[in-house]
Amino acid sequence: FYDEFGKAQGKVNMMFQRGSFPYTAIAELDAHILE
Protein backbone atom coordinates (compact mmCIF):
# COMPACT_ATOMS: atom_id res chain seq x y z
CA PHE A 1 0.00 0.00 0.00
CA TYR A 2 1.47 3.36 -1.05
CA ASP A 3 1.08 6.97 0.01
CA GLU A 4 -0.10 9.76 -2.27
CA PHE A 5 3.43 10.18 -3.69
CA GLY A 6 4.07 6.51 -4.49
CA LYS A 7 6.11 5.66 -1.39
CA ALA A 8 5.40 2.22 0.10
CA GLN A 9 3.68 2.42 3.48
CA GLY A 10 3.25 -1.23 4.37
CA LYS A 11 1.33 -4.35 3.49
CA VAL A 12 -2.44 -4.92 3.28
CA ASN A 13 -4.70 -7.89 2.67
CA MET A 14 -5.97 -6.91 -0.76
CA MET A 15 -9.37 -8.34 -1.70
CA PHE A 16 -10.13 -8.88 -5.38
CA GLN A 17 -13.08 -9.55 -7.60
CA ARG A 18 -14.11 -8.96 -11.18
CA GLY A 19 -17.65 -7.90 -11.89
CA SER A 20 -20.07 -5.38 -13.34
CA PHE A 21 -20.03 -2.32 -11.06
CA PRO A 22 -20.87 1.34 -11.63
CA TYR A 23 -17.48 2.96 -12.26
CA THR A 24 -16.68 6.45 -13.50
CA ALA A 25 -14.31 9.38 -13.23
CA ILE A 26 -15.28 12.98 -12.52
CA ALA A 27 -12.81 15.56 -13.77
CA GLU A 28 -13.86 18.18 -11.21
CA LEU A 29 -12.93 15.79 -8.41
CA ASP A 30 -9.69 14.47 -9.92
CA ALA A 31 -10.81 11.03 -8.79
CA HIS A 32 -12.01 7.64 -9.95
CA ILE A 33 -15.30 6.55 -8.36
CA LEU A 34 -16.61 3.04 -7.78
CA GLU A 35 -19.93 1.91 -6.30
Full PDB file with SEQRES, HELIX, SHEET, SSBOND, CRYST1, ORIGX, SCALE, CONECT and MASTER records, all heavy atoms in Angstrom:
SEQRES   1 A   35  PHE TYR ASP GLU PHE GLY LYS ALA GLN GLY LYS VAL ASN          
SEQRES   2 A   35  MET MET PHE GLN ARG GLY SER PHE PRO TYR THR ALA ILE          
SEQRES   3 A   35  ALA GLU LEU ASP ALA HIS ILE LEU GLU                          
HELIX    1 AA1 ALA A   27  LEU A   29  5                                   3    
SHEET    1 AA1 2 TYR A  23  ILE A  26  0                                        
SHEET    2 AA1 2 ALA A  31  LEU A  34 -1                                        
CRYST1    1.000    1.000    1.000  90.00  90.00  90.00 P 1           1          
ORIGX1      1.000000  0.000000  0.000000        0.00000                         
ORIGX2      0.000000  1.000000  0.000000        0.00000                         
ORIGX3      0.000000  0.000000  1.000000        0.00000                         
SCALE1      1.000000  0.000000  0.000000        0.00000                         
SCALE2      0.000000  1.000000  0.000000        0.00000                         
SCALE3      0.000000  0.000000  1.000000        0.00000                         
ATOM      1  N   PHE A   1       0.873  -1.176   0.000  1.00  0.00           N  
ATOM      2  CA  PHE A   1       0.000   0.000   0.000  1.00  0.00           C  
ATOM      3  C   PHE A   1       0.909   1.224   0.000  1.00  0.00           C  
ATOM      4  O   PHE A   1       1.891   1.293   0.745  1.00  0.00           O  
ATOM      5  CB  PHE A   1      -0.907  -0.010   1.224  1.00  0.00           C  
ATOM      6  CG  PHE A   1      -2.029   0.988   1.167  1.00  0.00           C  
ATOM      7  CD1 PHE A   1      -3.254   0.650   0.606  1.00  0.00           C  
ATOM      8  CD2 PHE A   1      -1.869   2.264   1.679  1.00  0.00           C  
ATOM      9  CE1 PHE A   1      -4.293   1.562   0.556  1.00  0.00           C  
ATOM     10  CE2 PHE A   1      -2.907   3.187   1.633  1.00  0.00           C  
ATOM     11  CZ  PHE A   1      -4.121   2.824   1.066  1.00  0.00           C  
ATOM     12  N   TYR A   2       0.583   2.217  -0.825  1.00  0.00           N  
ATOM     13  CA  TYR A   2       1.465   3.360  -1.047  1.00  0.00           C  
ATOM     14  C   TYR A   2       0.811   4.647  -0.546  1.00  0.00           C  
ATOM     15  O   TYR A   2      -0.421   4.727  -0.389  1.00  0.00           O  
ATOM     16  CB  TYR A   2       1.788   3.494  -2.533  1.00  0.00           C  
ATOM     17  CG  TYR A   2       2.419   2.242  -3.122  1.00  0.00           C  
ATOM     18  CD1 TYR A   2       1.608   1.231  -3.645  1.00  0.00           C  
ATOM     19  CD2 TYR A   2       3.799   2.081  -3.146  1.00  0.00           C  
ATOM     20  CE1 TYR A   2       2.185   0.076  -4.181  1.00  0.00           C  
ATOM     21  CE2 TYR A   2       4.378   0.938  -3.684  1.00  0.00           C  
ATOM     22  CZ  TYR A   2       3.563  -0.063  -4.194  1.00  0.00           C  
ATOM     23  OH  TYR A   2       4.118  -1.214  -4.709  1.00  0.00           O  
ATOM     24  N   ASP A   3       1.640   5.666  -0.330  1.00  0.00           N  
ATOM     25  CA  ASP A   3       1.080   6.966   0.012  1.00  0.00           C  
ATOM     26  C   ASP A   3       0.747   7.723  -1.268  1.00  0.00           C  
ATOM     27  O   ASP A   3       0.847   7.187  -2.375  1.00  0.00           O  
ATOM     28  CB  ASP A   3       2.018   7.755   0.917  1.00  0.00           C  
ATOM     29  CG  ASP A   3       3.321   8.158   0.236  1.00  0.00           C  
ATOM     30  OD1 ASP A   3       3.436   7.994  -1.006  1.00  0.00           O  
ATOM     31  OD2 ASP A   3       4.232   8.640   0.930  1.00  0.00           O  
ATOM     32  N   GLU A   4       0.355   8.979  -1.120  1.00  0.00           N  
ATOM     33  CA  GLU A   4      -0.099   9.764  -2.271  1.00  0.00           C  
ATOM     34  C   GLU A   4       1.023  10.096  -3.239  1.00  0.00           C  
ATOM     35  O   GLU A   4       0.770  10.559  -4.358  1.00  0.00           O  
ATOM     36  CB  GLU A   4      -0.763  11.050  -1.760  1.00  0.00           C  
ATOM     37  CG  GLU A   4      -2.059  10.777  -1.015  1.00  0.00           C  
ATOM     38  CD  GLU A   4      -2.461  11.920  -0.099  1.00  0.00           C  
ATOM     39  OE1 GLU A   4      -1.554  12.587   0.434  1.00  0.00           O  
ATOM     40  OE2 GLU A   4      -3.672  12.122   0.109  1.00  0.00           O  
ATOM     41  N   PHE A   5       2.289   9.857  -2.834  1.00  0.00           N  
ATOM     42  CA  PHE A   5       3.431  10.181  -3.690  1.00  0.00           C  
ATOM     43  C   PHE A   5       4.147   8.931  -4.182  1.00  0.00           C  
ATOM     44  O   PHE A   5       5.251   9.007  -4.713  1.00  0.00           O  
ATOM     45  CB  PHE A   5       4.406  11.083  -2.932  1.00  0.00           C  
ATOM     46  CG  PHE A   5       3.751  12.307  -2.354  1.00  0.00           C  
ATOM     47  CD1 PHE A   5       3.419  12.356  -1.006  1.00  0.00           C  
ATOM     48  CD2 PHE A   5       3.429  13.391  -3.151  1.00  0.00           C  
ATOM     49  CE1 PHE A   5       2.798  13.470  -0.471  1.00  0.00           C  
ATOM     50  CE2 PHE A   5       2.811  14.504  -2.626  1.00  0.00           C  
ATOM     51  CZ  PHE A   5       2.493  14.550  -1.285  1.00  0.00           C  
ATOM     52  N   GLY A   6       3.518   7.748  -3.977  1.00  0.00           N  
ATOM     53  CA  GLY A   6       4.072   6.514  -4.494  1.00  0.00           C  
ATOM     54  C   GLY A   6       5.056   5.829  -3.584  1.00  0.00           C  
ATOM     55  O   GLY A   6       5.696   4.854  -3.989  1.00  0.00           O  
ATOM     56  N   LYS A   7       5.190   6.283  -2.338  1.00  0.00           N  
ATOM     57  CA  LYS A   7       6.111   5.658  -1.394  1.00  0.00           C  
ATOM     58  C   LYS A   7       5.391   4.549  -0.641  1.00  0.00           C  
ATOM     59  O   LYS A   7       4.291   4.746  -0.118  1.00  0.00           O  
ATOM     60  CB  LYS A   7       6.643   6.701  -0.416  1.00  0.00           C  
ATOM     61  CG  LYS A   7       7.667   6.136   0.565  1.00  0.00           C  
ATOM     62  CD  LYS A   7       8.175   7.224   1.505  1.00  0.00           C  
ATOM     63  CE  LYS A   7       9.173   6.660   2.494  1.00  0.00           C  
ATOM     64  NZ  LYS A   7       9.684   7.702   3.422  1.00  0.00           N  
ATOM     65  N   ALA A   8       6.025   3.368  -0.569  1.00  0.00           N  
ATOM     66  CA  ALA A   8       5.405   2.221   0.095  1.00  0.00           C  
ATOM     67  C   ALA A   8       5.217   2.501   1.576  1.00  0.00           C  
ATOM     68  O   ALA A   8       6.117   2.995   2.256  1.00  0.00           O  
ATOM     69  CB  ALA A   8       6.268   0.976  -0.110  1.00  0.00           C  
ATOM     70  N   GLN A   9       4.026   2.176   2.082  1.00  0.00           N  
ATOM     71  CA  GLN A   9       3.678   2.420   3.476  1.00  0.00           C  
ATOM     72  C   GLN A   9       3.582   1.137   4.298  1.00  0.00           C  
ATOM     73  O   GLN A   9       3.578   1.196   5.527  1.00  0.00           O  
ATOM     74  CB  GLN A   9       2.338   3.158   3.550  1.00  0.00           C  
ATOM     75  CG  GLN A   9       2.352   4.523   2.916  1.00  0.00           C  
ATOM     76  CD  GLN A   9       3.254   5.484   3.667  1.00  0.00           C  
ATOM     77  OE1 GLN A   9       3.000   5.820   4.813  1.00  0.00           O  
ATOM     78  NE2 GLN A   9       4.337   5.896   3.024  1.00  0.00           N  
ATOM     79  N   GLY A  10       3.426   0.023   3.649  1.00  0.00           N  
ATOM     80  CA  GLY A  10       3.250  -1.230   4.372  1.00  0.00           C  
ATOM     81  C   GLY A  10       2.440  -2.205   3.541  1.00  0.00           C  
ATOM     82  O   GLY A  10       2.164  -1.970   2.360  1.00  0.00           O  
ATOM     83  N   LYS A  11       2.073  -3.307   4.174  1.00  0.00           N  
ATOM     84  CA  LYS A  11       1.332  -4.354   3.492  1.00  0.00           C  
ATOM     85  C   LYS A  11      -0.132  -4.343   3.918  1.00  0.00           C  
ATOM     86  O   LYS A  11      -0.478  -3.989   5.042  1.00  0.00           O  
ATOM     87  CB  LYS A  11       1.937  -5.721   3.811  1.00  0.00           C  
ATOM     88  CG  LYS A  11       3.380  -5.895   3.344  1.00  0.00           C  
ATOM     89  CD  LYS A  11       3.474  -5.914   1.815  1.00  0.00           C  
ATOM     90  CE  LYS A  11       4.897  -6.219   1.370  1.00  0.00           C  
ATOM     91  NZ  LYS A  11       5.017  -6.276  -0.111  1.00  0.00           N  
ATOM     92  N   VAL A  12      -1.012  -4.768   2.993  1.00  0.00           N  
ATOM     93  CA  VAL A  12      -2.441  -4.922   3.276  1.00  0.00           C  
ATOM     94  C   VAL A  12      -2.902  -6.256   2.719  1.00  0.00           C  
ATOM     95  O   VAL A  12      -2.270  -6.830   1.828  1.00  0.00           O  
ATOM     96  CB  VAL A  12      -3.282  -3.788   2.656  1.00  0.00           C  
ATOM     97  CG1 VAL A  12      -2.912  -2.443   3.234  1.00  0.00           C  
ATOM     98  CG2 VAL A  12      -3.123  -3.769   1.135  1.00  0.00           C  
ATOM     99  N   ASN A  13      -4.014  -6.742   3.252  1.00  0.00           N  
ATOM    100  CA  ASN A  13      -4.697  -7.889   2.670  1.00  0.00           C  
ATOM    101  C   ASN A  13      -5.641  -7.362   1.595  1.00  0.00           C  
ATOM    102  O   ASN A  13      -6.694  -6.807   1.899  1.00  0.00           O  
ATOM    103  CB  ASN A  13      -5.466  -8.665   3.741  1.00  0.00           C  
ATOM    104  CG  ASN A  13      -4.535  -9.376   4.703  1.00  0.00           C  
ATOM    105  OD1 ASN A  13      -3.593 -10.029   4.285  1.00  0.00           O  
ATOM    106  ND2 ASN A  13      -4.787  -9.244   6.000  1.00  0.00           N  
ATOM    107  N   MET A  14      -5.242  -7.506   0.355  1.00  0.00           N  
ATOM    108  CA  MET A  14      -5.972  -6.911  -0.765  1.00  0.00           C  
ATOM    109  C   MET A  14      -7.011  -7.900  -1.296  1.00  0.00           C  
ATOM    110  O   MET A  14      -6.676  -8.962  -1.807  1.00  0.00           O  
ATOM    111  CB  MET A  14      -5.007  -6.528  -1.882  1.00  0.00           C  
ATOM    112  CG  MET A  14      -5.651  -5.747  -3.011  1.00  0.00           C  
ATOM    113  SD  MET A  14      -6.135  -4.073  -2.519  1.00  0.00           S  
ATOM    114  CE  MET A  14      -4.524  -3.261  -2.497  1.00  0.00           C  
ATOM    115  N   MET A  15      -8.290  -7.531  -1.144  1.00  0.00           N  
ATOM    116  CA  MET A  15      -9.369  -8.344  -1.705  1.00  0.00           C  
ATOM    117  C   MET A  15      -9.474  -8.071  -3.199  1.00  0.00           C  
ATOM    118  O   MET A  15      -9.102  -7.000  -3.680  1.00  0.00           O  
ATOM    119  CB  MET A  15     -10.694  -8.008  -1.015  1.00  0.00           C  
ATOM    120  CG  MET A  15     -10.675  -8.197   0.494  1.00  0.00           C  
ATOM    121  SD  MET A  15     -12.297  -7.929   1.278  1.00  0.00           S  
ATOM    122  CE  MET A  15     -12.596  -6.204   0.907  1.00  0.00           C  
ATOM    123  N   PHE A  16     -10.014  -9.024  -3.918  1.00  0.00           N  
ATOM    124  CA  PHE A  16     -10.132  -8.877  -5.375  1.00  0.00           C  
ATOM    125  C   PHE A  16     -11.410  -9.546  -5.866  1.00  0.00           C  
ATOM    126  O   PHE A  16     -11.819 -10.597  -5.364  1.00  0.00           O  
ATOM    127  CB  PHE A  16      -8.947  -9.529  -6.094  1.00  0.00           C  
ATOM    128  CG  PHE A  16      -9.165  -9.668  -7.578  1.00  0.00           C  
ATOM    129  CD1 PHE A  16      -8.995  -8.582  -8.411  1.00  0.00           C  
ATOM    130  CD2 PHE A  16      -9.580 -10.883  -8.121  1.00  0.00           C  
ATOM    131  CE1 PHE A  16      -9.206  -8.705  -9.776  1.00  0.00           C  
ATOM    132  CE2 PHE A  16      -9.789 -11.007  -9.487  1.00  0.00           C  
ATOM    133  CZ  PHE A  16      -9.605  -9.914 -10.324  1.00  0.00           C  
ATOM    134  N   GLN A  17     -12.023  -8.903  -6.830  1.00  0.00           N  
ATOM    135  CA  GLN A  17     -13.082  -9.547  -7.598  1.00  0.00           C  
ATOM    136  C   GLN A  17     -13.250  -8.814  -8.921  1.00  0.00           C  
ATOM    137  O   GLN A  17     -12.868  -7.654  -9.073  1.00  0.00           O  
ATOM    138  CB  GLN A  17     -14.407  -9.583  -6.838  1.00  0.00           C  
ATOM    139  CG  GLN A  17     -15.104  -8.242  -6.652  1.00  0.00           C  
ATOM    140  CD  GLN A  17     -16.540  -8.417  -6.210  1.00  0.00           C  
ATOM    141  OE1 GLN A  17     -17.333  -9.052  -6.906  1.00  0.00           O  
ATOM    142  NE2 GLN A  17     -16.866  -7.882  -5.044  1.00  0.00           N  
ATOM    143  N   ARG A  18     -13.821  -9.527  -9.870  1.00  0.00           N  
ATOM    144  CA  ARG A  18     -14.113  -8.959 -11.184  1.00  0.00           C  
ATOM    145  C   ARG A  18     -15.613  -9.034 -11.392  1.00  0.00           C  
ATOM    146  O   ARG A  18     -16.218 -10.086 -11.241  1.00  0.00           O  
ATOM    147  CB  ARG A  18     -13.394  -9.742 -12.276  1.00  0.00           C  
ATOM    148  CG  ARG A  18     -13.636  -9.208 -13.687  1.00  0.00           C  
ATOM    149  CD  ARG A  18     -12.989 -10.119 -14.717  1.00  0.00           C  
ATOM    150  NE  ARG A  18     -11.531 -10.159 -14.543  1.00  0.00           N  
ATOM    151  CZ  ARG A  18     -10.749 -10.983 -15.220  1.00  0.00           C  
ATOM    152  NH1 ARG A  18     -11.257 -11.844 -16.070  1.00  0.00           N  
ATOM    153  NH2 ARG A  18      -9.435 -10.950 -15.028  1.00  0.00           N  
ATOM    154  N   GLY A  19     -16.216  -7.903 -11.722  1.00  0.00           N  
ATOM    155  CA  GLY A  19     -17.654  -7.904 -11.892  1.00  0.00           C  
ATOM    156  C   GLY A  19     -18.138  -6.621 -12.528  1.00  0.00           C  
ATOM    157  O   GLY A  19     -17.358  -5.708 -12.841  1.00  0.00           O  
ATOM    158  N   SER A  20     -19.439  -6.541 -12.728  1.00  0.00           N  
ATOM    159  CA  SER A  20     -20.068  -5.380 -13.341  1.00  0.00           C  
ATOM    160  C   SER A  20     -20.497  -4.412 -12.244  1.00  0.00           C  
ATOM    161  O   SER A  20     -21.479  -4.651 -11.539  1.00  0.00           O  
ATOM    162  CB  SER A  20     -21.279  -5.805 -14.184  1.00  0.00           C  
ATOM    163  OG  SER A  20     -21.890  -4.695 -14.784  1.00  0.00           O  
ATOM    164  N   PHE A  21     -19.749  -3.317 -12.094  1.00  0.00           N  
ATOM    165  CA  PHE A  21     -20.035  -2.319 -11.062  1.00  0.00           C  
ATOM    166  C   PHE A  21     -20.068  -0.933 -11.688  1.00  0.00           C  
ATOM    167  O   PHE A  21     -19.320  -0.661 -12.639  1.00  0.00           O  
ATOM    168  CB  PHE A  21     -18.956  -2.341  -9.970  1.00  0.00           C  
ATOM    169  CG  PHE A  21     -18.804  -3.641  -9.260  1.00  0.00           C  
ATOM    170  CD1 PHE A  21     -17.754  -4.493  -9.583  1.00  0.00           C  
ATOM    171  CD2 PHE A  21     -19.703  -4.032  -8.283  1.00  0.00           C  
ATOM    172  CE1 PHE A  21     -17.600  -5.699  -8.928  1.00  0.00           C  
ATOM    173  CE2 PHE A  21     -19.560  -5.242  -7.627  1.00  0.00           C  
ATOM    174  CZ  PHE A  21     -18.511  -6.082  -7.950  1.00  0.00           C  
ATOM    175  N   PRO A  22     -20.910  -0.041 -11.173  1.00  0.00           N  
ATOM    176  CA  PRO A  22     -20.868   1.342 -11.629  1.00  0.00           C  
ATOM    177  C   PRO A  22     -19.487   1.951 -11.343  1.00  0.00           C  
ATOM    178  O   PRO A  22     -19.019   1.929 -10.202  1.00  0.00           O  
ATOM    179  CB  PRO A  22     -21.960   2.029 -10.798  1.00  0.00           C  
ATOM    180  CG  PRO A  22     -22.882   0.919 -10.406  1.00  0.00           C  
ATOM    181  CD  PRO A  22     -22.010  -0.280 -10.209  1.00  0.00           C  
ATOM    182  N   TYR A  23     -18.845   2.462 -12.380  1.00  0.00           N  
ATOM    183  CA  TYR A  23     -17.481   2.958 -12.263  1.00  0.00           C  
ATOM    184  C   TYR A  23     -17.328   4.137 -13.197  1.00  0.00           C  
ATOM    185  O   TYR A  23     -17.686   4.074 -14.374  1.00  0.00           O  
ATOM    186  CB  TYR A  23     -16.494   1.842 -12.633  1.00  0.00           C  
ATOM    187  CG  TYR A  23     -15.054   2.273 -12.786  1.00  0.00           C  
ATOM    188  CD1 TYR A  23     -14.409   2.958 -11.768  1.00  0.00           C  
ATOM    189  CD2 TYR A  23     -14.344   1.988 -13.952  1.00  0.00           C  
ATOM    190  CE1 TYR A  23     -13.088   3.344 -11.892  1.00  0.00           C  
ATOM    191  CE2 TYR A  23     -13.015   2.365 -14.096  1.00  0.00           C  
ATOM    192  CZ  TYR A  23     -12.386   3.048 -13.062  1.00  0.00           C  
ATOM    193  OH  TYR A  23     -11.082   3.429 -13.194  1.00  0.00           O  
ATOM    194  N   THR A  24     -16.816   5.250 -12.673  1.00  0.00           N  
ATOM    195  CA  THR A  24     -16.680   6.446 -13.497  1.00  0.00           C  
ATOM    196  C   THR A  24     -15.536   7.296 -12.975  1.00  0.00           C  
ATOM    197  O   THR A  24     -14.901   6.977 -11.966  1.00  0.00           O  
ATOM    198  CB  THR A  24     -17.993   7.264 -13.497  1.00  0.00           C  
ATOM    199  OG1 THR A  24     -17.897   8.321 -14.449  1.00  0.00           O  
ATOM    200  CG2 THR A  24     -18.275   7.840 -12.126  1.00  0.00           C  
ATOM    201  N   ALA A  25     -15.289   8.382 -13.661  1.00  0.00           N  
ATOM    202  CA  ALA A  25     -14.305   9.381 -13.232  1.00  0.00           C  
ATOM    203  C   ALA A  25     -14.932  10.754 -13.420  1.00  0.00           C  
ATOM    204  O   ALA A  25     -15.600  11.003 -14.425  1.00  0.00           O  
ATOM    205  CB  ALA A  25     -13.015   9.270 -14.027  1.00  0.00           C  
ATOM    206  N   ILE A  26     -14.742  11.620 -12.449  1.00  0.00           N  
ATOM    207  CA  ILE A  26     -15.275  12.978 -12.522  1.00  0.00           C  
ATOM    208  C   ILE A  26     -14.101  13.939 -12.521  1.00  0.00           C  
ATOM    209  O   ILE A  26     -13.322  13.986 -11.565  1.00  0.00           O  
ATOM    210  CB  ILE A  26     -16.228  13.266 -11.349  1.00  0.00           C  
ATOM    211  CG1 ILE A  26     -17.436  12.319 -11.401  1.00  0.00           C  
ATOM    212  CG2 ILE A  26     -16.703  14.718 -11.373  1.00  0.00           C  
ATOM    213  CD1 ILE A  26     -18.439  12.530 -10.285  1.00  0.00           C  
ATOM    214  N   ALA A  27     -13.974  14.691 -13.591  1.00  0.00           N  
ATOM    215  CA  ALA A  27     -12.811  15.557 -13.766  1.00  0.00           C  
ATOM    216  C   ALA A  27     -12.719  16.603 -12.655  1.00  0.00           C  
ATOM    217  O   ALA A  27     -11.631  16.933 -12.183  1.00  0.00           O  
ATOM    218  CB  ALA A  27     -12.877  16.233 -15.138  1.00  0.00           C  
ATOM    219  N   GLU A  28     -13.883  17.140 -12.243  1.00  0.00           N  
ATOM    220  CA  GLU A  28     -13.856  18.178 -11.211  1.00  0.00           C  
ATOM    221  C   GLU A  28     -13.315  17.668  -9.883  1.00  0.00           C  
ATOM    222  O   GLU A  28     -12.833  18.450  -9.060  1.00  0.00           O  
ATOM    223  CB  GLU A  28     -15.266  18.738 -10.977  1.00  0.00           C  
ATOM    224  CG  GLU A  28     -15.851  19.463 -12.170  1.00  0.00           C  
ATOM    225  CD  GLU A  28     -16.716  18.562 -13.021  1.00  0.00           C  
ATOM    226  OE1 GLU A  28     -16.327  17.397 -13.254  1.00  0.00           O  
ATOM    227  OE2 GLU A  28     -17.793  19.008 -13.435  1.00  0.00           O  
ATOM    228  N   LEU A  29     -13.413  16.369  -9.664  1.00  0.00           N  
ATOM    229  CA  LEU A  29     -12.926  15.786  -8.411  1.00  0.00           C  
ATOM    230  C   LEU A  29     -11.498  15.273  -8.515  1.00  0.00           C  
ATOM    231  O   LEU A  29     -10.872  14.978  -7.494  1.00  0.00           O  
ATOM    232  CB  LEU A  29     -13.837  14.629  -7.965  1.00  0.00           C  
ATOM    233  CG  LEU A  29     -15.259  14.974  -7.562  1.00  0.00           C  
ATOM    234  CD1 LEU A  29     -16.020  13.707  -7.179  1.00  0.00           C  
ATOM    235  CD2 LEU A  29     -15.251  15.950  -6.392  1.00  0.00           C  
ATOM    236  N   ASP A  30     -10.991  15.104  -9.734  1.00  0.00           N  
ATOM    237  CA  ASP A  30      -9.685  14.468  -9.924  1.00  0.00           C  
ATOM    238  C   ASP A  30      -9.657  13.097  -9.270  1.00  0.00           C  
ATOM    239  O   ASP A  30      -8.695  12.736  -8.574  1.00  0.00           O  
ATOM    240  CB  ASP A  30      -8.556  15.334  -9.347  1.00  0.00           C  
ATOM    241  CG  ASP A  30      -8.253  16.535 -10.220  1.00  0.00           C  
ATOM    242  OD1 ASP A  30      -8.394  16.413 -11.447  1.00  0.00           O  
ATOM    243  OD2 ASP A  30      -7.889  17.594  -9.690  1.00  0.00           O  
ATOM    244  N   ALA A  31     -10.713  12.320  -9.482  1.00  0.00           N  
ATOM    245  CA  ALA A  31     -10.811  11.034  -8.790  1.00  0.00           C  
ATOM    246  C   ALA A  31     -11.580  10.024  -9.621  1.00  0.00           C  
ATOM    247  O   ALA A  31     -12.459  10.382 -10.419  1.00  0.00           O  
ATOM    248  CB  ALA A  31     -11.495  11.218  -7.436  1.00  0.00           C  
ATOM    249  N   HIS A  32     -11.235   8.757  -9.427  1.00  0.00           N  
ATOM    250  CA  HIS A  32     -12.006   7.635  -9.948  1.00  0.00           C  
ATOM    251  C   HIS A  32     -13.022   7.244  -8.880  1.00  0.00           C  
ATOM    252  O   HIS A  32     -12.738   7.300  -7.680  1.00  0.00           O  
ATOM    253  CB  HIS A  32     -11.098   6.447 -10.243  1.00  0.00           C  
ATOM    254  CG  HIS A  32      -9.994   6.762 -11.198  1.00  0.00           C  
ATOM    255  ND1 HIS A  32     -10.157   6.733 -12.566  1.00  0.00           N  
ATOM    256  CD2 HIS A  32      -8.698   7.109 -10.984  1.00  0.00           C  
ATOM    257  CE1 HIS A  32      -9.023   7.046 -13.154  1.00  0.00           C  
ATOM    258  NE2 HIS A  32      -8.112   7.281 -12.219  1.00  0.00           N  
ATOM    259  N   ILE A  33     -14.216   6.835  -9.311  1.00  0.00           N  
ATOM    260  CA  ILE A  33     -15.295   6.550  -8.363  1.00  0.00           C  
ATOM    261  C   ILE A  33     -15.890   5.191  -8.681  1.00  0.00           C  
ATOM    262  O   ILE A  33     -16.212   4.883  -9.831  1.00  0.00           O  
ATOM    263  CB  ILE A  33     -16.386   7.641  -8.433  1.00  0.00           C  
ATOM    264  CG1 ILE A  33     -15.758   9.011  -8.142  1.00  0.00           C  
ATOM    265  CG2 ILE A  33     -17.498   7.353  -7.438  1.00  0.00           C  
ATOM    266  CD1 ILE A  33     -16.698  10.161  -8.357  1.00  0.00           C  
ATOM    267  N   LEU A  34     -16.047   4.383  -7.648  1.00  0.00           N  
ATOM    268  CA  LEU A  34     -16.608   3.038  -7.784  1.00  0.00           C  
ATOM    269  C   LEU A  34     -17.733   2.866  -6.778  1.00  0.00           C  
ATOM    270  O   LEU A  34     -17.635   3.321  -5.634  1.00  0.00           O  
ATOM    271  CB  LEU A  34     -15.525   1.986  -7.528  1.00  0.00           C  
ATOM    272  CG  LEU A  34     -15.979   0.523  -7.557  1.00  0.00           C  
ATOM    273  CD1 LEU A  34     -16.211   0.065  -8.994  1.00  0.00           C  
ATOM    274  CD2 LEU A  34     -14.934  -0.375  -6.878  1.00  0.00           C  
ATOM    275  N   GLU A  35     -18.815   2.210  -7.201  1.00  0.00           N  
ATOM    276  CA  GLU A  35     -19.929   1.911  -6.299  1.00  0.00           C  
ATOM    277  C   GLU A  35     -20.013   0.404  -6.076  1.00  0.00           C  
ATOM    278  O   GLU A  35     -20.099  -0.374  -7.023  1.00  0.00           O  
ATOM    279  CB  GLU A  35     -21.256   2.424  -6.868  1.00  0.00           C  
ATOM    280  CG  GLU A  35     -22.450   2.122  -5.964  1.00  0.00           C  
ATOM    281  CD  GLU A  35     -23.763   2.648  -6.513  1.00  0.00           C  
ATOM    282  OE1 GLU A  35     -23.744   3.253  -7.616  1.00  0.00           O  
ATOM    283  OE2 GLU A  35     -24.800   2.438  -5.862  1.00  0.00           O  
TER     284      GLU A  35                                                      
MASTER        0    0    0    1    2    0    0    6  283    1    0    3          
END                                                                             
